[in-house]
């Protein structure tokens, strides 16, 4: 059995540089700067993320059941999340912060619940997402 080929680190670095150059011009400045930071995963640079600009826009439910949009579904997140189920709510909030549009964030995130969950969320989310949200809002 032949040994695996070594990674061509120079080529990998070039790919990261191309992703940085390909960031859309219309990205908000703080998100673009966070994505240009050293060490950001290529998958995050390739897909980006969004964040609301006004805390008052967050109008998600603080009680009851949330119907989870199709794009966030997947094990172990069910189609409906009970707000009082901390594990399910944490997973939903992670997915909304990482993959959600501004409109989805407005509809699904509740400001007080976000503050309550933030210590756990900030441990699991990529650094660029955490830094943008913490720069914009009093979460930390």
C-alpha atoms as a PDB file:
ATOM      1  CA  UNK A   1       0.000   0.000   0.000  1.00  0.00           C
ATOM      2  CA  UNK A   2       1.473   3.330  -1.019  1.00  0.00           C
ATOM      3  CA  UNK A   3       1.655   6.203   1.498  1.00  0.00           C
ATOM      4  CA  UNK A   4      -0.945   8.973   1.173  1.00  0.00           C
ATOM      5  CA  UNK A   5       0.183  12.007  -0.760  1.00  0.00           C
ATOM      6  CA  UNK A   6       1.203  14.983   1.311  1.00  0.00           C
ATOM      7  CA  UNK A   7      -1.058  17.990   1.281  1.00  0.00           C
ATOM      8  CA  UNK A   8       0.084  20.748  -1.013  1.00  0.00           C
ATOM      9  CA  UNK A   9      -0.071  23.468   1.640  1.00  0.00           C
ATOM     10  CA  UNK A  10       0.822  26.199  -0.811  1.00  0.00           C
ATOM     11  CA  UNK A  11      -2.139  25.265  -3.000  1.00  0.00           C
ATOM     12  CA  UNK A  12      -4.428  25.100   0.019  1.00  0.00           C
ATOM     13  CA  UNK A  13      -3.286  28.577   1.084  1.00  0.00           C
ATOM     14  CA  UNK A  14      -3.942  29.872  -2.444  1.00  0.00           C
ATOM     15  CA  UNK A  15      -7.492  28.500  -2.209  1.00  0.00           C
ATOM     16  CA  UNK A  16      -8.082  30.406   1.029  1.00  0.00           C
ATOM     17  CA  UNK A  17      -6.757  33.555  -0.580  1.00  0.00           C
ATOM     18  CA  UNK A  18      -9.125  33.104  -3.494  1.00  0.00           C
ATOM     19  CA  UNK A  19     -12.050  32.721  -1.107  1.00  0.00           C
ATOM     20  CA  UNK A  20     -11.053  35.947   0.643  1.00  0.00           C
ATOM     21  CA  UNK A  21     -10.822  37.766  -2.687  1.00  0.00           C
ATOM     22  CA  UNK A  22     -14.207  36.349  -3.709  1.00  0.00           C
ATOM     23  CA  UNK A  23     -16.075  37.760  -0.699  1.00  0.00           C
ATOM     24  CA  UNK A  24     -19.010  39.822  -1.984  1.00  0.00           C
ATOM     25  CA  UNK A  25     -18.558  43.584  -2.013  1.00  0.00           C
ATOM     26  CA  UNK A  26     -21.941  44.084  -0.363  1.00  0.00           C
ATOM     27  CA  UNK A  27     -21.052  42.216   2.842  1.00  0.00           C
ATOM     28  CA  UNK A  28     -21.279  44.469   5.898  1.00  0.00           C
ATOM     29  CA  UNK A  29     -17.803  45.733   6.815  1.00  0.00           C
ATOM     30  CA  UNK A  30     -17.676  43.961  10.186  1.00  0.00           C
ATOM     31  CA  UNK A  31     -18.670  40.602   8.686  1.00  0.00           C
ATOM     32  CA  UNK A  32     -16.185  40.989   5.825  1.00  0.00           C
ATOM     33  CA  UNK A  33     -13.399  41.861   8.285  1.00  0.00           C
ATOM     34  CA  UNK A  34     -14.254  38.868  10.477  1.00  0.00           C
ATOM     35  CA  UNK A  35     -14.188  36.533   7.469  1.00  0.00           C
ATOM     36  CA  UNK A  36     -10.820  37.936   6.347  1.00  0.00           C
ATOM     37  CA  UNK A  37      -9.243  37.191   9.731  1.00  0.00           C
ATOM     38  CA  UNK A  38      -6.486  34.571   9.794  1.00  0.00           C
ATOM     39  CA  UNK A  39      -7.567  31.074  10.671  1.00  0.00           C
ATOM     40  CA  UNK A  40     -11.173  31.339   9.495  1.00  0.00           C
ATOM     41  CA  UNK A  41     -12.420  28.059   8.067  1.00  0.00           C
ATOM     42  CA  UNK A  42     -12.786  28.037   4.299  1.00  0.00           C
ATOM     43  CA  UNK A  43     -16.328  26.641   4.531  1.00  0.00           C
ATOM     44  CA  UNK A  44     -17.392  29.738   6.502  1.00  0.00           C
ATOM     45  CA  UNK A  45     -15.718  32.093   4.037  1.00  0.00           C
ATOM     46  CA  UNK A  46     -17.461  30.285   1.189  1.00  0.00           C
ATOM     47  CA  UNK A  47     -20.950  30.437   2.674  1.00  0.00           C
ATOM     48  CA  UNK A  48     -20.756  33.655   4.790  1.00  0.00           C
ATOM     49  CA  UNK A  49     -23.214  34.486   7.537  1.00  0.00           C
ATOM     50  CA  UNK A  50     -25.624  37.281   8.329  1.00  0.00           C
ATOM     51  CA  UNK A  51     -26.481  39.224  11.484  1.00  0.00           C
ATOM     52  CA  UNK A  52     -29.240  41.689  12.293  1.00  0.00           C
ATOM     53  CA  UNK A  53     -28.110  45.256  12.859  1.00  0.00           C
ATOM     54  CA  UNK A  54     -30.857  46.301  15.278  1.00  0.00           C
ATOM     55  CA  UNK A  55     -31.408  44.459  18.555  1.00  0.00           C
ATOM     56  CA  UNK A  56     -35.046  45.574  18.566  1.00  0.00           C
ATOM     57  CA  UNK A  57     -35.611  43.592  15.360  1.00  0.00           C
ATOM     58  CA  UNK A  58     -35.370  40.297  17.259  1.00  0.00           C
ATOM     59  CA  UNK A  59     -39.003  39.283  17.714  1.00  0.00           C
ATOM     60  CA  UNK A  60     -38.773  35.512  18.167  1.00  0.00           C
ATOM     61  CA  UNK A  61     -41.035  33.702  20.597  1.00  0.00           C
ATOM     62  CA  UNK A  62     -40.132  33.428  24.270  1.00  0.00           C
ATOM     63  CA  UNK A  63     -42.629  30.647  24.989  1.00  0.00           C
ATOM     64  CA  UNK A  64     -44.492  27.893  23.216  1.00  0.00           C
ATOM     65  CA  UNK A  65     -43.433  25.913  20.181  1.00  0.00           C
ATOM     66  CA  UNK A  66     -41.317  27.103  17.239  1.00  0.00           C
ATOM     67  CA  UNK A  67     -41.824  25.569  13.793  1.00  0.00           C
ATOM     68  CA  UNK A  68     -38.311  25.011  12.494  1.00  0.00           C
ATOM     69  CA  UNK A  69     -37.711  26.116   8.882  1.00  0.00           C
ATOM     70  CA  UNK A  70     -36.780  23.280   6.531  1.00  0.00           C
ATOM     71  CA  UNK A  71     -33.192  24.485   5.988  1.00  0.00           C
ATOM     72  CA  UNK A  72     -32.410  24.099   9.711  1.00  0.00           C
ATOM     73  CA  UNK A  73     -33.834  20.602  10.108  1.00  0.00           C
ATOM     74  CA  UNK A  74     -31.582  17.652  10.698  1.00  0.00           C
ATOM     75  CA  UNK A  75     -30.629  15.339  13.501  1.00  0.00           C
ATOM     76  CA  UNK A  76     -31.038  15.972  16.332  1.00  0.00           C
ATOM     77  CA  UNK A  77     -33.238  19.046  15.660  1.00  0.00           C
ATOM     78  CA  UNK A  78     -36.921  18.177  15.191  1.00  0.00           C
ATOM     79  CA  UNK A  79     -39.497  20.020  13.069  1.00  0.00           C
ATOM     80  CA  UNK A  80     -40.872  21.725  16.168  1.00  0.00           C
ATOM     81  CA  UNK A  81     -38.865  23.036  19.108  1.00  0.00           C
ATOM     82  CA  UNK A  82     -40.363  23.753  22.498  1.00  0.00           C
ATOM     83  CA  UNK A  83     -38.872  26.975  23.835  1.00  0.00           C
ATOM     84  CA  UNK A  84     -38.606  25.420  27.307  1.00  0.00           C
ATOM     85  CA  UNK A  85     -36.415  22.590  25.952  1.00  0.00           C
ATOM     86  CA  UNK A  86     -32.992  24.177  26.462  1.00  0.00           C
ATOM     87  CA  UNK A  87     -31.051  21.639  24.367  1.00  0.00           C
ATOM     88  CA  UNK A  88     -33.322  21.919  21.342  1.00  0.00           C
ATOM     89  CA  UNK A  89     -33.510  25.694  21.647  1.00  0.00           C
ATOM     90  CA  UNK A  90     -29.714  25.954  21.864  1.00  0.00           C
ATOM     91  CA  UNK A  91     -29.311  23.876  18.714  1.00  0.00           C
ATOM     92  CA  UNK A  92     -31.925  25.931  16.858  1.00  0.00           C
ATOM     93  CA  UNK A  93     -30.260  29.202  17.892  1.00  0.00           C
ATOM     94  CA  UNK A  94     -26.849  27.884  16.772  1.00  0.00           C
ATOM     95  CA  UNK A  95     -28.212  27.052  13.341  1.00  0.00           C
ATOM     96  CA  UNK A  96     -30.074  30.353  12.993  1.00  0.00           C
ATOM     97  CA  UNK A  97     -27.000  32.388  13.973  1.00  0.00           C
ATOM     98  CA  UNK A  98     -24.751  30.446  11.621  1.00  0.00           C
ATOM     99  CA  UNK A  99     -27.023  29.829   8.625  1.00  0.00           C
ATOM    100  CA  UNK A 100     -30.031  32.095   9.054  1.00  0.00           C
ATOM    101  CA  UNK A 101     -30.940  35.125   7.029  1.00  0.00           C
ATOM    102  CA  UNK A 102     -31.584  38.415   8.780  1.00  0.00           C
ATOM    103  CA  UNK A 103     -35.336  37.826   8.329  1.00  0.00           C
ATOM    104  CA  UNK A 104     -35.083  34.365   9.908  1.00  0.00           C
ATOM    105  CA  UNK A 105     -33.088  35.806  12.804  1.00  0.00           C
ATOM    106  CA  UNK A 106     -35.782  38.446  13.333  1.00  0.00           C
ATOM    107  CA  UNK A 107     -38.537  35.818  13.367  1.00  0.00           C
ATOM    108  CA  UNK A 108     -36.842  33.086  15.404  1.00  0.00           C
ATOM    109  CA  UNK A 109     -34.485  34.732  17.918  1.00  0.00           C
ATOM    110  CA  UNK A 110     -35.818  36.270  21.114  1.00  0.00           C
ATOM    111  CA  UNK A 111     -33.431  38.861  22.617  1.00  0.00           C
ATOM    112  CA  UNK A 112     -33.638  37.716  26.249  1.00  0.00           C
ATOM    113  CA  UNK A 113     -33.308  34.052  25.310  1.00  0.00           C
ATOM    114  CA  UNK A 114     -30.316  34.914  23.128  1.00  0.00           C
ATOM    115  CA  UNK A 115     -28.623  36.640  26.067  1.00  0.00           C
ATOM    116  CA  UNK A 116     -29.386  33.666  28.323  1.00  0.00           C
ATOM    117  CA  UNK A 117     -28.050  31.142  25.810  1.00  0.00           C
ATOM    118  CA  UNK A 118     -25.080  33.252  24.684  1.00  0.00           C
ATOM    119  CA  UNK A 119     -22.407  31.704  26.961  1.00  0.00           C
ATOM    120  CA  UNK A 120     -23.113  28.253  25.510  1.00  0.00           C
ATOM    121  CA  UNK A 121     -23.623  29.578  21.977  1.00  0.00           C
ATOM    122  CA  UNK A 122     -20.357  31.514  21.967  1.00  0.00           C
ATOM    123  CA  UNK A 123     -18.467  28.355  22.944  1.00  0.00           C
ATOM    124  CA  UNK A 124     -19.802  26.437  19.932  1.00  0.00           C
ATOM    125  CA  UNK A 125     -20.073  29.017  17.144  1.00  0.00           C
ATOM    126  CA  UNK A 126     -17.141  29.985  14.890  1.00  0.00           C
ATOM    127  CA  UNK A 127     -15.137  32.959  16.173  1.00  0.00           C
ATOM    128  CA  UNK A 128     -16.151  35.322  13.310  1.00  0.00           C
ATOM    129  CA  UNK A 129     -19.852  34.842  14.119  1.00  0.00           C
ATOM    130  CA  UNK A 130     -19.241  35.384  17.834  1.00  0.00           C
ATOM    131  CA  UNK A 131     -17.114  38.493  17.286  1.00  0.00           C
ATOM    132  CA  UNK A 132     -19.638  40.175  14.983  1.00  0.00           C
ATOM    133  CA  UNK A 133     -22.567  39.543  17.334  1.00  0.00           C
ATOM    134  CA  UNK A 134     -20.558  40.688  20.367  1.00  0.00           C
ATOM    135  CA  UNK A 135     -19.410  43.851  18.580  1.00  0.00           C
ATOM    136  CA  UNK A 136     -22.967  44.695  17.574  1.00  0.00           C
ATOM    137  CA  UNK A 137     -24.772  43.796  20.803  1.00  0.00           C
ATOM    138  CA  UNK A 138     -24.232  43.547  24.585  1.00  0.00           C
ATOM    139  CA  UNK A 139     -24.048  39.763  24.750  1.00  0.00           C
ATOM    140  CA  UNK A 140     -20.780  39.038  26.528  1.00  0.00           C
END
